[in-house]
Amino acid sequence: MEDTICRQGEENHKEKILALKDAIELLSGKWKFYILQNLHFYGTMRFKDIMETAVGITPEVLSKELQELEQNLLVTRTVNNTKPVTVSYALTKHAIETQPVLESLIGFGLKHRKKIKENSID
């Protein structure tokens, strides 16, 4: 009985590790969290607007990151019937589930920055 419980615990642990690996691969990259957070904060954004808020990103990298987010069902891409044609991006309902993760990372980052500042030698 104890051996069975141990094996079930190990299987559960392995499943969690695989889920963590999937989530990290899905959201990996320097800019994906940044893009998701901006879309959450501002709502639907045009490519140009995302470029302006993502200081330091190149158009090629932004395009690649947005394509990956779209492929993974986290953003929708809409071609607007404007002249010139513009493209806008919005979060999917599925992407809303990333918000608690982002908030946790932001909270940790704020605490970490404070701790480092308190311990830095001037």
N, C-alpha and C. Protein backbone atom coordinates (compact mmCIF):
# COMPACT_ATOMS: atom_id res chain seq x y z
N MET A 1 0.83 -1.20 0.00
CA MET A 1 0.00 0.00 0.00
C MET A 1 0.87 1.26 0.00
N GLU A 2 1.86 1.28 0.90
CA GLU A 2 2.75 2.43 0.98
C GLU A 2 3.52 2.62 -0.32
N ASP A 3 3.93 1.49 -0.93
CA ASP A 3 4.66 1.52 -2.21
C ASP A 3 3.78 2.11 -3.31
N THR A 4 2.49 1.76 -3.31
CA THR A 4 1.54 2.28 -4.30
C THR A 4 1.38 3.79 -4.14
N ILE A 5 1.25 4.26 -2.92
CA ILE A 5 1.13 5.70 -2.65
C ILE A 5 2.38 6.43 -3.11
N CYS A 6 3.53 5.84 -2.85
CA CYS A 6 4.81 6.44 -3.26
C CYS A 6 4.88 6.54 -4.78
N ARG A 7 4.47 5.48 -5.49
CA ARG A 7 4.49 5.49 -6.96
C ARG A 7 3.51 6.53 -7.50
N GLN A 8 2.32 6.63 -6.88
CA GLN A 8 1.35 7.63 -7.32
C GLN A 8 1.89 9.04 -7.10
N GLY A 9 2.55 9.26 -5.99
CA GLY A 9 3.16 10.55 -5.72
C GLY A 9 4.25 10.87 -6.73
N GLU A 10 5.03 9.86 -7.09
CA GLU A 10 6.09 10.04 -8.07
C GLU A 10 5.51 10.34 -9.46
N GLU A 11 4.44 9.62 -9.84
CA GLU A 11 3.79 9.87 -11.13
C GLU A 11 3.21 11.28 -11.17
N ASN A 12 2.58 11.70 -10.07
CA ASN A 12 2.02 13.04 -9.97
C ASN A 12 3.13 14.09 -10.10
N HIS A 13 4.26 13.82 -9.46
CA HIS A 13 5.40 14.73 -9.54
C HIS A 13 5.92 14.81 -10.98
N LYS A 14 6.05 13.68 -11.65
CA LYS A 14 6.51 13.66 -13.03
C LYS A 14 5.55 14.44 -13.94
N GLU A 15 4.26 14.28 -13.71
CA GLU A 15 3.25 14.99 -14.50
C GLU A 15 3.38 16.51 -14.30
N LYS A 16 3.63 16.91 -13.06
CA LYS A 16 3.81 18.33 -12.76
C LYS A 16 5.08 18.88 -13.42
N ILE A 17 6.13 18.10 -13.41
CA ILE A 17 7.39 18.52 -14.04
C ILE A 17 7.18 18.70 -15.55
N LEU A 18 6.46 17.77 -16.18
CA LEU A 18 6.17 17.89 -17.61
C LEU A 18 5.31 19.11 -17.89
N ALA A 19 4.33 19.37 -17.04
CA ALA A 19 3.48 20.55 -17.21
C ALA A 19 4.30 21.83 -17.05
N LEU A 20 5.22 21.85 -16.10
CA LEU A 20 6.10 23.01 -15.91
C LEU A 20 6.98 23.22 -17.14
N LYS A 21 7.52 22.13 -17.66
CA LYS A 21 8.35 22.20 -18.87
C LYS A 21 7.55 22.77 -20.04
N ASP A 22 6.31 22.30 -20.21
CA ASP A 22 5.44 22.80 -21.28
C ASP A 22 5.19 24.30 -21.13
N ALA A 23 4.87 24.72 -19.91
CA ALA A 23 4.57 26.14 -19.67
C ALA A 23 5.79 27.01 -19.93
N ILE A 24 6.96 26.55 -19.49
CA ILE A 24 8.19 27.33 -19.70
C ILE A 24 8.49 27.43 -21.19
N GLU A 25 8.36 26.34 -21.92
CA GLU A 25 8.61 26.36 -23.37
C GLU A 25 7.61 27.28 -24.07
N LEU A 26 6.36 27.23 -23.66
CA LEU A 26 5.32 28.05 -24.25
C LEU A 26 5.60 29.54 -24.07
N LEU A 27 6.06 29.91 -22.90
CA LEU A 27 6.25 31.33 -22.57
C LEU A 27 7.71 31.78 -22.62
N SER A 28 8.59 30.90 -23.09
CA SER A 28 10.00 31.25 -23.12
C SER A 28 10.26 32.34 -24.14
N GLY A 29 11.33 33.03 -23.93
CA GLY A 29 11.69 34.15 -24.79
C GLY A 29 11.66 35.42 -23.97
N LYS A 30 12.48 36.33 -24.35
CA LYS A 30 12.63 37.57 -23.60
C LYS A 30 11.37 38.42 -23.60
N TRP A 31 10.54 38.31 -24.63
CA TRP A 31 9.48 39.28 -24.85
C TRP A 31 8.06 38.78 -24.63
N LYS A 32 7.84 37.50 -24.53
CA LYS A 32 6.47 36.99 -24.48
C LYS A 32 5.71 37.49 -23.25
N PHE A 33 6.33 37.45 -22.09
CA PHE A 33 5.65 37.95 -20.89
C PHE A 33 5.34 39.44 -21.04
N TYR A 34 6.27 40.16 -21.60
CA TYR A 34 6.11 41.60 -21.80
C TYR A 34 4.92 41.88 -22.73
N ILE A 35 4.85 41.13 -23.82
CA ILE A 35 3.75 41.29 -24.79
C ILE A 35 2.41 40.96 -24.13
N LEU A 36 2.35 39.84 -23.43
CA LEU A 36 1.11 39.44 -22.76
C LEU A 36 0.67 40.47 -21.73
N GLN A 37 1.62 40.98 -20.96
CA GLN A 37 1.27 41.97 -19.94
C GLN A 37 0.75 43.25 -20.57
N ASN A 38 1.37 43.71 -21.65
CA ASN A 38 0.90 44.92 -22.32
C ASN A 38 -0.48 44.71 -22.94
N LEU A 39 -0.72 43.56 -23.54
CA LEU A 39 -2.04 43.29 -24.10
C LEU A 39 -3.09 43.20 -23.00
N HIS A 40 -2.71 42.67 -21.86
CA HIS A 40 -3.65 42.62 -20.74
C HIS A 40 -3.96 44.04 -20.25
N PHE A 41 -2.93 44.87 -20.14
CA PHE A 41 -3.10 46.22 -19.60
C PHE A 41 -3.83 47.15 -20.58
N TYR A 42 -3.38 47.14 -21.85
CA TYR A 42 -3.93 48.07 -22.84
C TYR A 42 -5.10 47.51 -23.64
N GLY A 43 -5.27 46.21 -23.66
CA GLY A 43 -6.28 45.60 -24.51
C GLY A 43 -5.72 45.41 -25.92
N THR A 44 -6.58 45.37 -26.90
CA THR A 44 -6.16 45.17 -28.28
C THR A 44 -5.17 46.24 -28.70
N MET A 45 -4.08 45.81 -29.33
CA MET A 45 -3.03 46.74 -29.75
C MET A 45 -2.61 46.45 -31.18
N ARG A 46 -2.27 47.52 -31.89
CA ARG A 46 -1.71 47.36 -33.23
C ARG A 46 -0.24 46.98 -33.10
N PHE A 47 0.29 46.36 -34.13
CA PHE A 47 1.69 45.95 -34.15
C PHE A 47 2.57 47.15 -33.81
N LYS A 48 2.30 48.28 -34.44
CA LYS A 48 3.10 49.49 -34.22
C LYS A 48 3.08 49.93 -32.76
N ASP A 49 1.91 49.83 -32.12
CA ASP A 49 1.80 50.21 -30.72
C ASP A 49 2.59 49.27 -29.81
N ILE A 50 2.55 48.00 -30.12
CA ILE A 50 3.34 47.03 -29.34
C ILE A 50 4.82 47.35 -29.50
N MET A 51 5.22 47.69 -30.72
CA MET A 51 6.62 48.06 -30.98
C MET A 51 7.04 49.24 -30.10
N GLU A 52 6.16 50.23 -29.99
CA GLU A 52 6.48 51.43 -29.23
C GLU A 52 6.59 51.16 -27.73
N THR A 53 5.81 50.23 -27.23
CA THR A 53 5.86 49.93 -25.80
C THR A 53 6.96 48.93 -25.46
N ALA A 54 7.42 48.18 -26.44
CA ALA A 54 8.46 47.17 -26.22
C ALA A 54 9.81 47.73 -26.64
N VAL A 55 10.30 48.67 -25.87
CA VAL A 55 11.56 49.34 -26.20
C VAL A 55 12.69 48.32 -26.28
N GLY A 56 13.36 48.30 -27.42
CA GLY A 56 14.50 47.41 -27.60
C GLY A 56 14.22 46.19 -28.46
N ILE A 57 12.97 45.92 -28.76
CA ILE A 57 12.64 44.76 -29.58
C ILE A 57 12.70 45.16 -31.06
N THR A 58 13.15 44.27 -31.90
CA THR A 58 13.17 44.53 -33.33
C THR A 58 11.84 44.07 -33.93
N PRO A 59 11.45 44.63 -35.06
CA PRO A 59 10.21 44.18 -35.71
C PRO A 59 10.22 42.68 -36.02
N GLU A 60 11.37 42.15 -36.39
CA GLU A 60 11.47 40.73 -36.73
C GLU A 60 11.21 39.86 -35.51
N VAL A 61 11.80 40.23 -34.37
CA VAL A 61 11.62 39.45 -33.15
C VAL A 61 10.18 39.57 -32.66
N LEU A 62 9.61 40.78 -32.71
CA LEU A 62 8.22 40.96 -32.29
C LEU A 62 7.29 40.11 -33.15
N SER A 63 7.51 40.12 -34.44
CA SER A 63 6.69 39.33 -35.34
C SER A 63 6.79 37.85 -35.00
N LYS A 64 7.99 37.37 -34.75
CA LYS A 64 8.22 35.96 -34.40
C LYS A 64 7.52 35.61 -33.08
N GLU A 65 7.67 36.45 -32.07
CA GLU A 65 7.05 36.20 -30.77
C GLU A 65 5.52 36.19 -30.89
N LEU A 66 4.97 37.15 -31.64
CA LEU A 66 3.52 37.20 -31.84
C LEU A 66 3.02 35.98 -32.60
N GLN A 67 3.77 35.52 -33.60
CA GLN A 67 3.38 34.32 -34.33
C GLN A 67 3.33 33.11 -33.41
N GLU A 68 4.34 32.99 -32.53
CA GLU A 68 4.37 31.86 -31.60
C GLU A 68 3.22 31.94 -30.60
N LEU A 69 2.93 33.14 -30.12
CA LEU A 69 1.81 33.31 -29.20
C LEU A 69 0.48 32.98 -29.89
N GLU A 70 0.37 33.35 -31.16
CA GLU A 70 -0.84 33.03 -31.93
C GLU A 70 -0.95 31.52 -32.15
N GLN A 71 0.14 30.87 -32.52
CA GLN A 71 0.13 29.43 -32.74
C GLN A 71 -0.26 28.66 -31.48
N ASN A 72 0.09 29.24 -30.32
CA ASN A 72 -0.21 28.59 -29.05
C ASN A 72 -1.51 29.09 -28.42
N LEU A 73 -2.33 29.75 -29.25
CA LEU A 73 -3.69 30.15 -28.86
C LEU A 73 -3.73 31.16 -27.71
N LEU A 74 -2.70 32.00 -27.62
CA LEU A 74 -2.67 33.02 -26.57
C LEU A 74 -3.04 34.40 -27.09
N VAL A 75 -2.85 34.64 -28.38
CA VAL A 75 -3.27 35.91 -28.98
C VAL A 75 -4.01 35.65 -30.29
N THR A 76 -4.85 36.60 -30.63
CA THR A 76 -5.51 36.57 -31.94
C THR A 76 -4.94 37.70 -32.77
N ARG A 77 -4.83 37.45 -34.05
CA ARG A 77 -4.31 38.43 -35.00
C ARG A 77 -5.45 38.83 -35.92
N THR A 78 -5.67 40.14 -36.05
CA THR A 78 -6.74 40.64 -36.91
C THR A 78 -6.16 41.62 -37.90
N VAL A 79 -6.41 41.38 -39.18
CA VAL A 79 -6.00 42.32 -40.22
C VAL A 79 -7.15 43.31 -40.37
N ASN A 80 -6.85 44.58 -40.10
CA ASN A 80 -7.88 45.62 -40.14
C ASN A 80 -8.01 46.19 -41.54
N ASN A 81 -9.22 46.47 -41.94
CA ASN A 81 -9.52 47.03 -43.27
C ASN A 81 -9.32 48.55 -43.23
N THR A 82 -8.06 48.94 -43.11
CA THR A 82 -7.71 50.36 -43.07
C THR A 82 -6.72 50.65 -44.19
N LYS A 83 -6.51 51.91 -44.44
CA LYS A 83 -5.50 52.30 -45.43
C LYS A 83 -4.50 53.19 -44.74
N PRO A 84 -3.25 52.78 -44.62
CA PRO A 84 -2.75 51.45 -44.99
C PRO A 84 -3.31 50.38 -44.05
N VAL A 85 -3.17 49.14 -44.50
CA VAL A 85 -3.65 48.01 -43.72
C VAL A 85 -2.88 47.95 -42.41
N THR A 86 -3.60 47.74 -41.31
CA THR A 86 -2.95 47.56 -40.01
C THR A 86 -3.34 46.20 -39.46
N VAL A 87 -2.52 45.71 -38.56
CA VAL A 87 -2.76 44.43 -37.91
C VAL A 87 -2.84 44.69 -36.42
N SER A 88 -3.84 44.10 -35.78
CA SER A 88 -3.96 44.26 -34.33
C SER A 88 -3.97 42.90 -33.65
N TYR A 89 -3.60 42.92 -32.39
CA TYR A 89 -3.48 41.69 -31.60
C TYR A 89 -4.26 41.86 -30.31
N ALA A 90 -4.85 40.76 -29.86
CA ALA A 90 -5.60 40.76 -28.60
C ALA A 90 -5.37 39.42 -27.91
N LEU A 91 -5.56 39.43 -26.61
CA LEU A 91 -5.45 38.20 -25.84
C LEU A 91 -6.67 37.31 -26.09
N THR A 92 -6.45 36.02 -26.07
CA THR A 92 -7.56 35.07 -26.11
C THR A 92 -8.04 34.83 -24.68
N LYS A 93 -9.19 34.18 -24.54
CA LYS A 93 -9.67 33.82 -23.21
C LYS A 93 -8.66 32.92 -22.51
N HIS A 94 -8.04 32.05 -23.28
CA HIS A 94 -7.03 31.13 -22.73
C HIS A 94 -5.86 31.92 -22.15
N ALA A 95 -5.47 33.00 -22.80
CA ALA A 95 -4.32 33.80 -22.35
C ALA A 95 -4.59 34.51 -21.04
N ILE A 96 -5.85 34.78 -20.74
CA ILE A 96 -6.19 35.45 -19.48
C ILE A 96 -5.69 34.62 -18.30
N GLU A 97 -5.60 33.30 -18.49
CA GLU A 97 -5.12 32.42 -17.42
C GLU A 97 -3.65 32.65 -17.09
N THR A 98 -2.92 33.35 -17.95
CA THR A 98 -1.51 33.64 -17.65
C THR A 98 -1.38 34.82 -16.68
N GLN A 99 -2.43 35.59 -16.50
CA GLN A 99 -2.33 36.80 -15.68
C GLN A 99 -1.89 36.53 -14.24
N PRO A 100 -2.42 35.53 -13.55
CA PRO A 100 -1.91 35.28 -12.19
C PRO A 100 -0.41 34.93 -12.17
N VAL A 101 0.05 34.24 -13.21
CA VAL A 101 1.48 33.92 -13.32
C VAL A 101 2.27 35.21 -13.47
N LEU A 102 1.81 36.09 -14.35
CA LEU A 102 2.49 37.37 -14.55
C LEU A 102 2.50 38.19 -13.27
N GLU A 103 1.36 38.24 -12.58
CA GLU A 103 1.28 39.01 -11.33
C GLU A 103 2.23 38.44 -10.28
N SER A 104 2.34 37.12 -10.20
CA SER A 104 3.27 36.50 -9.25
C SER A 104 4.71 36.84 -9.59
N LEU A 105 5.05 36.78 -10.88
CA LEU A 105 6.40 37.14 -11.30
C LEU A 105 6.71 38.61 -11.02
N ILE A 106 5.73 39.48 -11.28
CA ILE A 106 5.91 40.91 -11.01
C ILE A 106 6.11 41.12 -9.51
N GLY A 107 5.28 40.48 -8.69
CA GLY A 107 5.42 40.61 -7.24
C GLY A 107 6.79 40.15 -6.77
N PHE A 108 7.23 39.00 -7.27
CA PHE A 108 8.55 38.50 -6.90
C PHE A 108 9.64 39.48 -7.37
N GLY A 109 9.50 39.99 -8.61
CA GLY A 109 10.49 40.92 -9.14
C GLY A 109 10.59 42.19 -8.32
N LEU A 110 9.45 42.71 -7.87
CA LEU A 110 9.46 43.92 -7.04
C LEU A 110 10.15 43.66 -5.70
N LYS A 111 9.84 42.52 -5.07
CA LYS A 111 10.49 42.16 -3.80
C LYS A 111 11.99 41.96 -4.00
N HIS A 112 12.34 41.30 -5.09
CA HIS A 112 13.75 41.03 -5.36
C HIS A 112 14.52 42.33 -5.59
N ARG A 113 13.95 43.24 -6.38
CA ARG A 113 14.61 44.53 -6.63
C ARG A 113 14.84 45.28 -5.33
N LYS A 114 13.82 45.26 -4.46
CA LYS A 114 13.93 45.95 -3.16
C LYS A 114 15.04 45.32 -2.32
N LYS A 115 15.07 44.00 -2.29
CA LYS A 115 16.08 43.28 -1.51
C LYS A 115 17.49 43.59 -2.02
N ILE A 116 17.64 43.60 -3.32
CA ILE A 116 18.96 43.89 -3.90
C ILE A 116 19.37 45.33 -3.59
N LYS A 117 18.44 46.27 -3.72
CA LYS A 117 18.74 47.67 -3.41
C LYS A 117 19.12 47.84 -1.95
N GLU A 118 18.42 47.15 -1.06
CA GLU A 118 18.72 47.23 0.37
C GLU A 118 20.10 46.67 0.71
N ASN A 119 20.53 45.68 -0.06
CA ASN A 119 21.80 45.01 0.21
C ASN A 119 22.95 45.48 -0.66
N SER A 120 22.68 46.47 -1.52
CA SER A 120 23.75 46.92 -2.41
C SER A 120 24.70 47.85 -1.66
N ILE A 121 25.93 47.80 -2.08
CA ILE A 121 26.98 48.65 -1.48
C ILE A 121 27.10 49.88 -2.36
N ASP A 122 26.90 51.04 -1.77
CA ASP A 122 27.00 52.30 -2.53
C ASP A 122 28.41 52.77 -2.61
